[in-house]
């Protein structure tokens, strides 16, 4: 049973990491319906890029190794880059389920 749970938790961590594990970012702020994300020009982001928005999944601990891993989150919607300041994060529009703008730390985004 512990082995099965360990395999499930490991697979969940791989799924939540995105395609290559390096394309995950966060939503930093919102103002007048425009969201600023933690990635920008310096990260290779371009106008028109699309990100999938997920509600961050529950963190589980592997009973065998003690490693903490995050379960895959719930898809909420998509963000599209509409502006790219030279410094700081990209600005995005959003379409999808309503987000809790008071606690954006509940969400993460992965480049589509």
C-alpha atoms as a PDB file:
ATOM      1  CA  UNK A   1       0.000   0.000   0.000  1.00  0.00           C
ATOM      2  CA  UNK A   2       2.835   2.422   0.854  1.00  0.00           C
ATOM      3  CA  UNK A   3       4.481   1.672  -2.495  1.00  0.00           C
ATOM      4  CA  UNK A   4       1.274   2.450  -4.400  1.00  0.00           C
ATOM      5  CA  UNK A   5       0.824   5.728  -2.520  1.00  0.00           C
ATOM      6  CA  UNK A   6       4.460   6.608  -3.178  1.00  0.00           C
ATOM      7  CA  UNK A   7       4.008   6.020  -6.926  1.00  0.00           C
ATOM      8  CA  UNK A   8       0.806   8.103  -7.006  1.00  0.00           C
ATOM      9  CA  UNK A   9       2.439  10.984  -5.153  1.00  0.00           C
ATOM     10  CA  UNK A  10       5.475  10.864  -7.469  1.00  0.00           C
ATOM     11  CA  UNK A  11       3.283  10.926 -10.581  1.00  0.00           C
ATOM     12  CA  UNK A  12       1.274  13.821  -9.156  1.00  0.00           C
ATOM     13  CA  UNK A  13       4.473  15.816  -8.631  1.00  0.00           C
ATOM     14  CA  UNK A  14       5.557  15.209 -12.213  1.00  0.00           C
ATOM     15  CA  UNK A  15       2.177  16.302 -13.565  1.00  0.00           C
ATOM     16  CA  UNK A  16       2.128  19.493 -11.497  1.00  0.00           C
ATOM     17  CA  UNK A  17       5.608  20.503 -12.629  1.00  0.00           C
ATOM     18  CA  UNK A  18       4.556  21.367 -16.191  1.00  0.00           C
ATOM     19  CA  UNK A  19       6.206  20.147 -19.370  1.00  0.00           C
ATOM     20  CA  UNK A  20       9.800  20.667 -18.313  1.00  0.00           C
ATOM     21  CA  UNK A  21       9.469  21.787 -14.705  1.00  0.00           C
ATOM     22  CA  UNK A  22      10.816  25.258 -15.515  1.00  0.00           C
ATOM     23  CA  UNK A  23       7.767  26.977 -16.981  1.00  0.00           C
ATOM     24  CA  UNK A  24       5.797  27.549 -13.784  1.00  0.00           C
ATOM     25  CA  UNK A  25       5.220  31.104 -12.551  1.00  0.00           C
ATOM     26  CA  UNK A  26       2.957  32.927 -10.127  1.00  0.00           C
ATOM     27  CA  UNK A  27       0.374  35.681 -10.307  1.00  0.00           C
ATOM     28  CA  UNK A  28       1.836  38.681  -8.513  1.00  0.00           C
ATOM     29  CA  UNK A  29      -0.989  41.249  -8.519  1.00  0.00           C
ATOM     30  CA  UNK A  30      -4.153  42.516 -10.186  1.00  0.00           C
ATOM     31  CA  UNK A  31      -5.285  46.039 -11.003  1.00  0.00           C
ATOM     32  CA  UNK A  32      -8.406  46.951 -13.011  1.00  0.00           C
ATOM     33  CA  UNK A  33      -8.708  43.380 -14.294  1.00  0.00           C
ATOM     34  CA  UNK A  34      -5.098  43.223 -15.551  1.00  0.00           C
ATOM     35  CA  UNK A  35      -2.927  40.590 -13.861  1.00  0.00           C
ATOM     36  CA  UNK A  36       0.852  40.896 -13.446  1.00  0.00           C
ATOM     37  CA  UNK A  37       2.766  37.611 -13.415  1.00  0.00           C
ATOM     38  CA  UNK A  38       6.222  36.757 -12.059  1.00  0.00           C
ATOM     39  CA  UNK A  39       7.732  36.158 -15.516  1.00  0.00           C
ATOM     40  CA  UNK A  40       8.603  38.791 -18.086  1.00  0.00           C
ATOM     41  CA  UNK A  41      10.906  39.791 -20.942  1.00  0.00           C
ATOM     42  CA  UNK A  42      13.998  38.492 -19.111  1.00  0.00           C
ATOM     43  CA  UNK A  43      12.350  35.053 -18.965  1.00  0.00           C
ATOM     44  CA  UNK A  44      11.632  34.922 -22.702  1.00  0.00           C
ATOM     45  CA  UNK A  45       7.954  35.836 -22.381  1.00  0.00           C
ATOM     46  CA  UNK A  46       6.409  37.385 -25.500  1.00  0.00           C
ATOM     47  CA  UNK A  47       3.204  39.273 -26.175  1.00  0.00           C
ATOM     48  CA  UNK A  48       0.421  36.808 -26.956  1.00  0.00           C
ATOM     49  CA  UNK A  49       1.880  33.958 -24.852  1.00  0.00           C
ATOM     50  CA  UNK A  50      -0.850  31.976 -23.110  1.00  0.00           C
ATOM     51  CA  UNK A  51      -0.638  30.507 -19.610  1.00  0.00           C
ATOM     52  CA  UNK A  52      -2.956  27.984 -17.974  1.00  0.00           C
ATOM     53  CA  UNK A  53      -4.049  29.060 -14.492  1.00  0.00           C
ATOM     54  CA  UNK A  54      -4.256  26.365 -11.810  1.00  0.00           C
ATOM     55  CA  UNK A  55      -5.370  26.478  -8.211  1.00  0.00           C
ATOM     56  CA  UNK A  56      -2.356  25.082  -6.381  1.00  0.00           C
ATOM     57  CA  UNK A  57      -2.793  21.486  -5.211  1.00  0.00           C
ATOM     58  CA  UNK A  58      -2.433  20.032  -1.751  1.00  0.00           C
ATOM     59  CA  UNK A  59       1.092  19.166  -0.581  1.00  0.00           C
ATOM     60  CA  UNK A  60       1.550  15.495   0.355  1.00  0.00           C
ATOM     61  CA  UNK A  61       4.435  13.764   2.099  1.00  0.00           C
ATOM     62  CA  UNK A  62       5.763  10.514   0.672  1.00  0.00           C
ATOM     63  CA  UNK A  63       5.495   7.994   3.543  1.00  0.00           C
ATOM     64  CA  UNK A  64       8.570   6.102   2.353  1.00  0.00           C
ATOM     65  CA  UNK A  65      11.045   8.915   1.594  1.00  0.00           C
ATOM     66  CA  UNK A  66       9.510  11.820   3.520  1.00  0.00           C
ATOM     67  CA  UNK A  67       9.720  13.959   0.375  1.00  0.00           C
ATOM     68  CA  UNK A  68       7.001  16.580   0.088  1.00  0.00           C
ATOM     69  CA  UNK A  69       5.241  16.803  -3.267  1.00  0.00           C
ATOM     70  CA  UNK A  70       2.373  18.847  -4.611  1.00  0.00           C
ATOM     71  CA  UNK A  71      -0.717  17.220  -6.098  1.00  0.00           C
ATOM     72  CA  UNK A  72      -1.840  18.542  -9.470  1.00  0.00           C
ATOM     73  CA  UNK A  73      -3.974  21.636  -9.153  1.00  0.00           C
ATOM     74  CA  UNK A  74      -7.403  22.408 -10.568  1.00  0.00           C
ATOM     75  CA  UNK A  75      -7.494  24.256 -13.893  1.00  0.00           C
ATOM     76  CA  UNK A  76      -9.216  27.634 -13.481  1.00  0.00           C
ATOM     77  CA  UNK A  77      -8.671  29.384 -16.814  1.00  0.00           C
ATOM     78  CA  UNK A  78      -6.121  31.041 -19.087  1.00  0.00           C
ATOM     79  CA  UNK A  79      -4.055  34.221 -19.063  1.00  0.00           C
ATOM     80  CA  UNK A  80      -2.819  35.918 -22.229  1.00  0.00           C
ATOM     81  CA  UNK A  81       0.108  38.347 -22.228  1.00  0.00           C
ATOM     82  CA  UNK A  82      -1.152  41.762 -23.368  1.00  0.00           C
ATOM     83  CA  UNK A  83       1.771  44.009 -22.313  1.00  0.00           C
ATOM     84  CA  UNK A  84       5.464  43.545 -21.547  1.00  0.00           C
ATOM     85  CA  UNK A  85       7.135  46.214 -19.428  1.00  0.00           C
ATOM     86  CA  UNK A  86      10.940  46.288 -19.893  1.00  0.00           C
ATOM     87  CA  UNK A  87      11.362  45.458 -16.215  1.00  0.00           C
ATOM     88  CA  UNK A  88       9.120  43.309 -14.049  1.00  0.00           C
ATOM     89  CA  UNK A  89       6.444  40.824 -14.920  1.00  0.00           C
ATOM     90  CA  UNK A  90       4.204  40.596 -17.952  1.00  0.00           C
ATOM     91  CA  UNK A  91       0.679  41.976 -17.797  1.00  0.00           C
ATOM     92  CA  UNK A  92      -2.102  39.595 -18.734  1.00  0.00           C
ATOM     93  CA  UNK A  93      -5.811  39.371 -19.418  1.00  0.00           C
ATOM     94  CA  UNK A  94      -7.708  36.480 -17.826  1.00  0.00           C
ATOM     95  CA  UNK A  95     -10.625  34.263 -18.876  1.00  0.00           C
ATOM     96  CA  UNK A  96     -12.005  31.491 -16.685  1.00  0.00           C
ATOM     97  CA  UNK A  97     -13.457  30.763 -13.266  1.00  0.00           C
ATOM     98  CA  UNK A  98     -13.393  33.733 -10.865  1.00  0.00           C
ATOM     99  CA  UNK A  99     -10.075  34.085  -9.005  1.00  0.00           C
ATOM    100  CA  UNK A 100      -9.715  35.148  -5.383  1.00  0.00           C
ATOM    101  CA  UNK A 101      -7.945  38.454  -6.072  1.00  0.00           C
ATOM    102  CA  UNK A 102      -7.353  38.897  -2.331  1.00  0.00           C
ATOM    103  CA  UNK A 103      -5.124  35.782  -2.185  1.00  0.00           C
ATOM    104  CA  UNK A 104      -3.376  35.184  -5.520  1.00  0.00           C
ATOM    105  CA  UNK A 105      -0.876  32.848  -3.795  1.00  0.00           C
ATOM    106  CA  UNK A 106      -3.536  30.104  -4.186  1.00  0.00           C
ATOM    107  CA  UNK A 107      -2.728  29.940  -7.910  1.00  0.00           C
ATOM    108  CA  UNK A 108       0.140  29.193 -10.256  1.00  0.00           C
ATOM    109  CA  UNK A 109       0.454  29.398 -14.005  1.00  0.00           C
ATOM    110  CA  UNK A 110       2.127  27.182 -16.582  1.00  0.00           C
ATOM    111  CA  UNK A 111       2.975  28.296 -20.100  1.00  0.00           C
ATOM    112  CA  UNK A 112       0.690  26.600 -22.625  1.00  0.00           C
END
